[in-house]
Amino acid sequence: MKQSTKIAILGREVRIGHLDQFTLLLDVLSSRKVSFVWYAPFVEQLLEKGLKLPHGEIFTSSEDLPEDVNLFLSLGGDGTFLSSVTYVRDRGIPVAGINFGRLGFLTTAKVGSEPPLWIDDLLEGRYSLEQRDLLKIDCDSVPEGFYPYAMNEISIHRQGPAMLSISIKIDGRPLPLYRADGIVIATPTGSTAYSLSVGGPIVMPDSPVLIIAPIAPHNLNVRPLVAPITSILELTLSSRDLPAIVTMDNRSFTLPSGGSAWITRGEFPFGYISLFDNNFIKAIQDKLLWGEDKRNDI
């Protein structure tokens, strides 16, 4: 007997221009007799806009997310999608991103004016489930209750006017000292995000590597480095003024001068639902305009 579908829905907001598409999505899901579990702050925002929502359970964190949820939907942009890591954690719940944002590199599914054909594929399990690597940080400065895993990247960057000095060891082997505004440690998934903007390489999502990319380095000979995903990175910070900011995707804490942190591969992967025959090269061409040459239009 087919297992019933219980869907957890995470969102931040639905813009006025997307209300029709959002309502259509809910109507189609309701017609498929699924059970809903709503993110509480999202529900409050939707009710304030006068939307009528299907009845369901409520969650506010990973702790009260029902055990029988077997599908997780992120409605919004890539920022909302990255937040889903903190809710599904190590439960192995597959996550699909529905794009109600802008670029939508991770949130590939969209809702138009007609019922989307991909919904039945989603509910029937006709999709590719990609196991994406996470990064984990371990240091004394991690606040209590802070979830120490990131899907895109872990960045350490200055908050004062003086640059940082960051020493890094890979599996005990020291790298040259980084004097820079900061450092980005990225997964292949995050290679098209912050890491790319500081000169890091584009990496295919299933590559077993991580990226070490300095932010505005003082020494221009220090270039981004690709290391095995199994590497153990030990970072020690020196700052002449304020503590540095450690950002994990879209969540932050501070690291004082003299503080150390260890970054490793997460013990478990993130289940990323790919609804379409995703061609990564086509995606970076379409969304990042990779390789575009205006001379070809002449």
Protein backbone atom coordinates (compact mmCIF):
# COMPACT_ATOMS: atom_id res chain seq x y z
CA MET A 1 0.00 0.00 0.00
CA LYS A 2 1.35 3.41 -0.99
CA GLN A 3 2.51 5.54 1.92
CA SER A 4 0.45 8.70 2.39
CA THR A 5 2.27 11.94 1.68
CA LYS A 6 2.79 14.39 4.51
CA ILE A 7 4.40 17.59 3.26
CA ALA A 8 6.17 20.15 5.43
CA ILE A 9 6.03 23.60 3.83
CA LEU A 10 8.65 26.25 4.59
CA GLY A 11 8.43 29.81 3.33
CA ARG A 12 9.22 33.38 4.29
CA GLU A 13 6.79 35.40 2.25
CA VAL A 14 4.74 35.27 -0.92
CA ARG A 15 4.86 38.49 -2.90
CA ILE A 16 1.63 39.96 -4.22
CA GLY A 17 2.63 39.07 -7.77
CA HIS A 18 2.95 35.39 -6.84
CA LEU A 19 -0.29 34.92 -4.91
CA ASP A 20 -2.18 33.38 -7.85
CA GLN A 21 0.57 30.83 -8.48
CA PHE A 22 0.80 30.02 -4.78
CA THR A 23 -2.97 29.48 -4.53
CA LEU A 24 -2.87 27.23 -7.61
CA LEU A 25 -0.09 25.14 -6.06
CA LEU A 26 -2.10 24.65 -2.87
CA ASP A 27 -5.25 23.76 -4.81
CA VAL A 28 -3.44 21.08 -6.79
CA LEU A 29 -1.74 19.62 -3.71
CA SER A 30 -5.05 19.59 -1.82
CA SER A 31 -6.71 17.72 -4.68
CA ARG A 32 -4.04 15.00 -4.30
CA LYS A 33 -5.14 14.42 -0.67
CA VAL A 34 -1.80 15.22 0.90
CA SER A 35 -1.39 16.22 4.55
CA PHE A 36 0.15 19.61 5.30
CA VAL A 37 2.59 20.69 7.99
CA TRP A 38 3.04 24.47 7.96
CA TYR A 39 5.94 26.61 9.15
CA ALA A 40 4.24 28.78 11.78
CA PRO A 41 5.64 32.25 10.87
CA PHE A 42 4.80 31.59 7.20
CA VAL A 43 1.20 30.71 8.08
CA GLU A 44 0.80 33.90 10.10
CA GLN A 45 2.00 36.00 7.19
CA LEU A 46 -0.32 34.24 4.72
CA LEU A 47 -3.36 34.59 6.97
CA GLU A 48 -2.65 38.31 7.32
CA LYS A 49 -2.97 38.52 3.53
CA GLY A 50 -6.39 36.90 3.73
CA LEU A 51 -5.44 33.57 2.17
CA LYS A 52 -7.43 30.46 3.04
CA LEU A 53 -5.09 27.59 3.76
CA PRO A 54 -5.68 23.84 3.95
CA HIS A 55 -5.81 22.61 7.52
CA GLY A 56 -2.65 21.03 8.83
CA GLU A 57 -0.13 20.73 11.62
CA ILE A 58 2.36 23.44 12.59
CA PHE A 59 6.12 23.38 13.10
CA THR A 60 8.54 26.05 14.30
CA SER A 61 11.83 24.15 14.41
CA SER A 62 13.39 20.76 13.78
CA GLU A 63 12.26 19.66 17.23
CA ASP A 64 8.53 19.89 16.53
CA LEU A 65 8.66 18.79 12.88
CA PRO A 66 6.47 15.64 12.90
CA GLU A 67 8.28 12.33 12.61
CA ASP A 68 6.07 11.13 9.74
CA VAL A 69 6.88 14.01 7.36
CA ASN A 70 8.17 12.37 4.19
CA LEU A 71 8.51 15.38 1.89
CA PHE A 72 9.75 18.92 2.53
CA LEU A 73 8.89 21.84 0.24
CA SER A 74 10.78 25.12 0.30
CA LEU A 75 8.76 27.95 -1.27
CA GLY A 76 10.78 31.02 -2.15
CA GLY A 77 14.31 31.61 -3.37
CA ASP A 78 17.65 30.00 -2.69
CA GLY A 79 17.95 31.70 0.71
CA THR A 80 14.79 30.02 1.94
CA PHE A 81 15.97 26.72 0.50
CA LEU A 82 19.26 26.92 2.40
CA SER A 83 17.30 27.43 5.62
CA SER A 84 15.68 24.02 5.14
CA VAL A 85 18.97 22.41 6.22
CA THR A 86 18.29 23.54 9.79
CA TYR A 87 14.85 21.87 9.84
CA VAL A 88 15.40 18.50 8.14
CA ARG A 89 18.85 18.03 9.73
CA ASP A 90 19.88 14.34 9.67
CA ARG A 91 16.37 12.94 9.15
CA GLY A 92 16.87 12.09 5.48
CA ILE A 93 13.69 13.91 4.38
CA PRO A 94 13.97 14.80 0.67
CA VAL A 95 13.68 18.52 -0.05
CA ALA A 96 12.29 20.19 -3.18
CA GLY A 97 12.61 23.89 -3.95
CA ILE A 98 9.72 25.76 -5.59
CA ASN A 99 10.90 29.09 -6.97
CA PHE A 100 8.93 32.09 -5.80
CA GLY A 101 12.10 34.18 -5.64
CA ARG A 102 14.45 35.57 -8.28
CA LEU A 103 17.38 33.59 -9.69
CA GLY A 104 16.46 30.24 -8.18
CA PHE A 105 19.61 28.22 -8.77
CA LEU A 106 18.60 25.59 -6.21
CA THR A 107 14.84 26.15 -6.52
CA THR A 108 14.29 24.93 -10.06
CA ALA A 109 10.55 24.17 -10.09
CA LYS A 110 8.10 26.96 -10.93
CA VAL A 111 4.34 27.44 -10.94
CA GLY A 112 2.75 29.21 -13.89
CA SER A 113 -0.85 29.90 -14.83
CA GLU A 114 -1.65 26.19 -15.36
CA PRO A 115 -1.37 23.27 -12.91
CA PRO A 116 2.30 22.25 -12.98
CA LEU A 117 2.94 18.84 -14.48
CA TRP A 118 5.79 18.13 -12.09
CA ILE A 119 3.54 17.85 -9.02
CA ASP A 120 2.50 14.27 -9.76
CA ASP A 121 6.14 13.36 -10.41
CA LEU A 122 7.00 14.84 -7.03
CA LEU A 123 4.25 13.03 -5.15
CA GLU A 124 4.87 9.70 -6.91
CA GLY A 125 8.62 9.82 -6.31
CA ARG A 126 9.52 10.19 -9.98
CA TYR A 127 12.57 12.35 -9.45
CA SER A 128 16.29 12.13 -8.95
CA LEU A 129 17.42 12.37 -5.33
CA GLU A 130 20.88 13.90 -5.18
CA GLN A 131 22.92 13.47 -2.01
CA ARG A 132 24.59 16.85 -1.52
CA ASP A 133 27.53 17.24 0.85
CA LEU A 134 27.31 19.55 3.87
CA LEU A 135 30.10 21.25 5.80
CA LYS A 136 30.36 21.14 9.59
CA ILE A 137 32.15 23.58 11.88
CA ASP A 138 33.45 22.80 15.35
CA CYS A 139 34.71 25.60 17.60
CA ASP A 140 34.23 26.94 21.11
CA SER A 141 32.48 30.08 19.79
CA VAL A 142 29.49 28.25 18.30
CA PRO A 143 26.48 29.55 20.28
CA GLU A 144 24.29 27.13 22.18
CA GLY A 145 21.52 25.84 19.92
CA PHE A 146 23.29 26.98 16.74
CA TYR A 147 23.12 24.32 13.99
CA PRO A 148 26.76 23.90 12.84
CA TYR A 149 26.11 22.66 9.29
CA ALA A 150 26.01 24.52 5.97
CA MET A 151 25.02 23.49 2.47
CA ASN A 152 26.68 26.25 0.43
CA GLU A 153 29.59 27.62 2.38
CA ILE A 154 31.20 28.63 5.64
CA SER A 155 32.77 32.08 5.42
CA ILE A 156 34.94 33.95 7.90
CA HIS A 157 35.14 37.68 7.23
CA ARG A 158 36.18 40.86 8.97
CA GLN A 159 33.75 43.26 10.58
CA GLY A 160 36.33 45.97 11.35
CA PRO A 161 38.57 48.04 9.04
CA ALA A 162 41.67 45.83 9.46
CA MET A 163 42.17 42.71 7.38
CA LEU A 164 42.39 39.29 8.98
CA SER A 165 45.28 36.88 9.21
CA ILE A 166 44.04 33.31 8.87
CA SER A 167 46.28 30.27 9.19
CA ILE A 168 44.90 27.05 7.72
CA LYS A 169 46.08 23.48 8.02
CA ILE A 170 44.75 20.72 5.76
CA ASP A 171 45.04 17.36 7.50
CA GLY A 172 47.79 18.87 9.64
CA ARG A 173 49.72 20.38 6.71
CA PRO A 174 49.96 24.20 6.87
CA LEU A 175 49.05 26.44 3.96
CA PRO A 176 50.61 29.87 3.40
CA LEU A 177 49.17 32.49 5.76
CA TYR A 178 46.05 34.16 4.37
CA ARG A 179 46.01 37.95 4.89
CA ALA A 180 42.65 38.97 3.51
CA ASP A 181 39.20 40.32 4.24
CA GLY A 182 38.22 36.74 4.93
CA ILE A 183 37.98 33.20 3.59
CA VAL A 184 35.23 31.12 2.01
CA ILE A 185 35.08 27.35 2.43
CA ALA A 186 32.51 26.06 -0.05
CA THR A 187 30.91 22.82 -1.14
CA PRO A 188 30.39 22.03 -4.84
CA THR A 189 26.78 23.16 -4.33
CA GLY A 190 28.09 26.50 -3.06
CA SER A 191 30.63 26.89 -5.85
CA THR A 192 28.15 28.99 -7.83
CA ALA A 193 27.40 31.28 -4.86
CA TYR A 194 29.71 33.38 -2.63
CA SER A 195 32.77 31.36 -3.62
CA LEU A 196 32.24 32.21 -7.28
CA SER A 197 31.99 35.93 -6.52
CA VAL A 198 35.45 35.90 -4.89
CA GLY A 199 37.07 34.08 -7.80
CA GLY A 200 36.49 30.45 -6.88
CA PRO A 201 35.94 27.78 -9.56
CA ILE A 202 32.62 26.37 -10.71
CA VAL A 203 32.47 22.74 -9.56
CA MET A 204 30.10 20.00 -10.68
CA PRO A 205 27.68 19.20 -7.80
CA ASP A 206 28.68 15.54 -7.41
CA SER A 207 32.42 16.24 -7.17
CA PRO A 208 33.89 15.02 -3.84
CA VAL A 209 35.77 18.25 -3.10
CA LEU A 210 35.64 21.50 -1.16
CA ILE A 211 36.88 24.95 -2.15
CA ILE A 212 39.09 27.32 -0.15
CA ALA A 213 38.76 30.82 -1.61
CA PRO A 214 40.24 33.98 -0.03
CA ILE A 215 38.22 37.21 0.04
CA ALA A 216 40.25 40.16 -1.32
CA PRO A 217 43.66 38.69 -0.38
CA HIS A 218 46.56 41.09 0.25
CA ASN A 219 48.92 38.66 -1.49
CA LEU A 220 47.68 38.27 -5.05
CA ASN A 221 49.63 35.03 -5.42
CA VAL A 222 47.24 33.28 -3.03
CA ARG A 223 44.62 31.74 -5.30
CA PRO A 224 41.56 29.56 -4.60
CA LEU A 225 42.38 25.96 -3.76
CA VAL A 226 40.38 22.76 -4.29
CA ALA A 227 40.84 20.02 -1.69
CA PRO A 228 39.25 16.59 -1.07
CA ILE A 229 35.91 16.77 0.74
CA THR A 230 37.37 14.35 3.31
CA SER A 231 39.94 16.96 4.40
CA ILE A 232 40.06 18.23 7.96
CA LEU A 233 40.63 21.99 7.96
CA GLU A 234 41.99 23.73 11.04
CA LEU A 235 41.69 27.52 10.92
CA THR A 236 43.22 29.95 13.42
CA LEU A 237 42.28 33.62 13.31
CA SER A 238 44.26 36.75 14.11
CA SER A 239 42.43 40.10 14.07
CA ARG A 240 43.80 43.50 15.10
CA ASP A 241 40.44 44.93 16.06
CA LEU A 242 36.96 43.39 16.13
CA PRO A 243 36.11 39.66 16.18
CA ALA A 244 35.47 38.08 12.80
CA ILE A 245 32.04 37.04 11.58
CA VAL A 246 31.51 33.35 10.79
CA THR A 247 28.60 32.88 8.40
CA MET A 248 27.11 29.48 7.61
CA ASP A 249 24.91 29.98 4.55
CA ASN A 250 22.67 32.66 6.08
CA ARG A 251 23.34 32.31 9.83
CA SER A 252 26.20 33.94 11.73
CA PHE A 253 28.21 34.09 14.95
CA THR A 254 31.49 35.78 15.96
CA LEU A 255 34.98 34.32 16.30
CA PRO A 256 37.50 36.27 18.43
CA SER A 257 41.14 36.84 17.58
CA GLY A 258 43.16 33.78 18.54
CA GLY A 259 40.13 31.54 18.10
CA SER A 260 40.32 28.30 16.14
CA ALA A 261 37.76 26.35 14.16
CA TRP A 262 37.71 22.93 12.51
CA ILE A 263 35.76 22.42 9.30
CA THR A 264 34.94 18.94 8.04
CA ARG A 265 32.51 17.13 5.80
CA GLY A 266 29.12 16.61 7.43
CA GLU A 267 28.44 13.09 8.71
CA PHE A 268 25.27 12.91 6.61
CA PRO A 269 24.21 14.32 3.22
CA PHE A 270 21.31 16.57 2.27
CA GLY A 271 18.62 14.97 0.09
CA TYR A 272 18.14 17.38 -2.83
CA ILE A 273 15.21 16.63 -5.13
CA SER A 274 15.95 17.19 -8.81
CA LEU A 275 12.59 17.13 -10.58
CA PHE A 276 13.90 17.56 -14.06
CA ASP A 277 16.64 16.08 -16.19
CA ASN A 278 19.00 18.66 -14.75
CA ASN A 279 21.94 19.50 -16.95
CA PHE A 280 24.35 21.44 -14.74
CA ILE A 281 26.16 22.97 -17.69
CA LYS A 282 22.88 24.21 -19.15
CA ALA A 283 21.88 25.61 -15.75
CA ILE A 284 25.01 27.72 -15.39
CA GLN A 285 24.64 28.88 -18.99
CA ASP A 286 21.01 29.90 -18.49
CA LYS A 287 21.24 31.38 -14.99
CA LEU A 288 24.84 32.60 -14.77
CA LEU A 289 25.29 33.35 -18.49
CA TRP A 290 28.41 31.18 -18.33
CA GLY A 291 30.40 31.29 -21.56
CA GLU A 292 28.12 33.87 -23.15
CA ASP A 293 29.90 35.74 -25.93
CA LYS A 294 28.18 38.70 -27.56
CA ARG A 295 30.33 38.16 -30.65
CA ASN A 296 28.17 35.14 -31.40
CA ASP A 297 25.20 37.48 -31.93
CA ILE A 298 26.90 39.43 -34.69
